[in-house]
Amino acid sequence: MEELSLIAAVSIFTAGITIAIGSIGPALGQGRAIAQALSAIAQQPDEANNISRTLFVGLAMIESTAIYCFVISIILIFVNPFWNALAG
């Protein structure tokens, strides 16, 4: 196998693994956060506004992890720094 095609295959595989693992974790975290927020709202309905606001900030932070994994996989596929090292 040629060196360039080996780097391309490993990059595509790594990008797929990055997206797979990087989306499972935030999905589980968001599900757990929503379940806990609904439980807290059910116990104290008067604090629903504060709980909801905190929930949305937390969900944004959780989602940022998945976005970072997506950006890394896009870099691995389209702007792979290892191709330039091999060509140079």
Protein backbone atom coordinates (compact mmCIF):
# COMPACT_ATOMS: atom_id res chain seq x y z
CA MET A 1 0.00 0.00 0.00
CA GLU A 2 1.31 3.41 -0.92
CA GLU A 3 2.21 5.74 1.95
CA LEU A 4 -0.27 8.43 0.93
CA SER A 5 -3.19 6.01 0.72
CA LEU A 6 -2.24 4.53 4.09
CA ILE A 7 -2.31 7.99 5.67
CA ALA A 8 -5.67 8.67 4.00
CA ALA A 9 -7.16 5.40 5.27
CA VAL A 10 -5.92 5.95 8.82
CA SER A 11 -7.19 9.55 8.76
CA ILE A 12 -10.66 8.50 7.63
CA PHE A 13 -10.80 5.72 10.23
CA THR A 14 -9.66 8.10 12.98
CA ALA A 15 -12.21 10.71 11.92
CA GLY A 16 -14.97 8.11 12.13
CA ILE A 17 -13.90 6.96 15.57
CA THR A 18 -13.64 10.58 16.73
CA ILE A 19 -17.21 11.30 15.65
CA ALA A 20 -18.53 8.02 17.11
CA ILE A 21 -16.99 8.44 20.54
CA GLY A 22 -17.40 12.20 20.50
CA SER A 23 -21.15 11.99 19.96
CA ILE A 24 -21.97 9.14 22.33
CA GLY A 25 -20.60 10.90 25.41
CA PRO A 26 -22.46 14.20 24.95
CA ALA A 27 -25.67 12.37 24.04
CA LEU A 28 -25.58 10.40 27.28
CA GLY A 29 -24.64 13.51 29.24
CA GLN A 30 -27.47 15.54 27.76
CA GLY A 31 -29.99 12.81 28.48
CA ARG A 32 -28.87 12.57 32.08
CA ALA A 33 -28.89 16.36 32.52
CA ILE A 34 -32.41 16.65 31.16
CA ALA A 35 -33.65 13.81 33.36
CA GLN A 36 -32.14 15.42 36.46
CA ALA A 37 -33.57 18.84 35.52
CA LEU A 38 -37.04 17.41 35.07
CA SER A 39 -36.75 15.66 38.41
CA ALA A 40 -35.67 18.91 40.07
CA ILE A 41 -38.53 20.84 38.45
CA ALA A 42 -41.00 18.19 39.61
CA GLN A 43 -39.75 18.54 43.20
CA GLN A 44 -39.58 22.36 43.21
CA PRO A 45 -41.85 23.89 40.55
CA ASP A 46 -41.21 27.43 41.85
CA GLU A 47 -37.55 27.23 40.76
CA ALA A 48 -38.37 26.10 37.21
CA ASN A 49 -36.98 29.29 35.62
CA ASN A 50 -33.64 29.04 37.39
CA ILE A 51 -33.33 25.32 36.70
CA SER A 52 -34.19 25.77 33.01
CA ARG A 53 -31.69 28.59 32.55
CA THR A 54 -28.93 26.56 34.20
CA LEU A 55 -29.94 23.51 32.15
CA PHE A 56 -29.60 25.38 28.85
CA VAL A 57 -26.15 26.72 29.77
CA GLY A 58 -25.06 23.21 30.76
CA LEU A 59 -26.45 21.69 27.57
CA ALA A 60 -24.52 24.24 25.50
CA MET A 61 -21.30 23.29 27.28
CA ILE A 62 -21.99 19.58 26.79
CA GLU A 63 -22.74 20.10 23.10
CA SER A 64 -19.49 22.00 22.58
CA THR A 65 -17.59 18.73 23.15
CA ALA A 66 -19.35 17.12 20.19
CA ILE A 67 -18.68 20.19 18.06
CA TYR A 68 -14.96 20.05 18.88
CA CYS A 69 -14.86 16.37 17.86
CA PHE A 70 -16.60 17.26 14.60
CA VAL A 71 -14.06 20.00 13.87
CA ILE A 72 -11.15 17.63 14.56
CA SER A 73 -12.60 15.02 12.20
CA ILE A 74 -13.11 17.61 9.46
CA ILE A 75 -9.48 18.72 9.89
CA LEU A 76 -8.31 15.10 9.64
CA ILE A 77 -10.24 14.54 6.43
CA PHE A 78 -9.76 17.80 4.52
CA VAL A 79 -6.69 19.58 5.96
CA ASN A 80 -4.56 16.69 7.09
CA PRO A 81 -1.22 17.97 8.40
CA PHE A 82 0.42 14.57 7.86
CA TRP A 83 0.08 14.79 4.06
CA ASN A 84 2.27 17.89 3.97
CA ALA A 85 4.89 16.23 6.18
CA LEU A 86 5.01 13.23 3.84
CA ALA A 87 5.22 15.35 0.70
CA GLY A 88 7.99 17.54 2.16
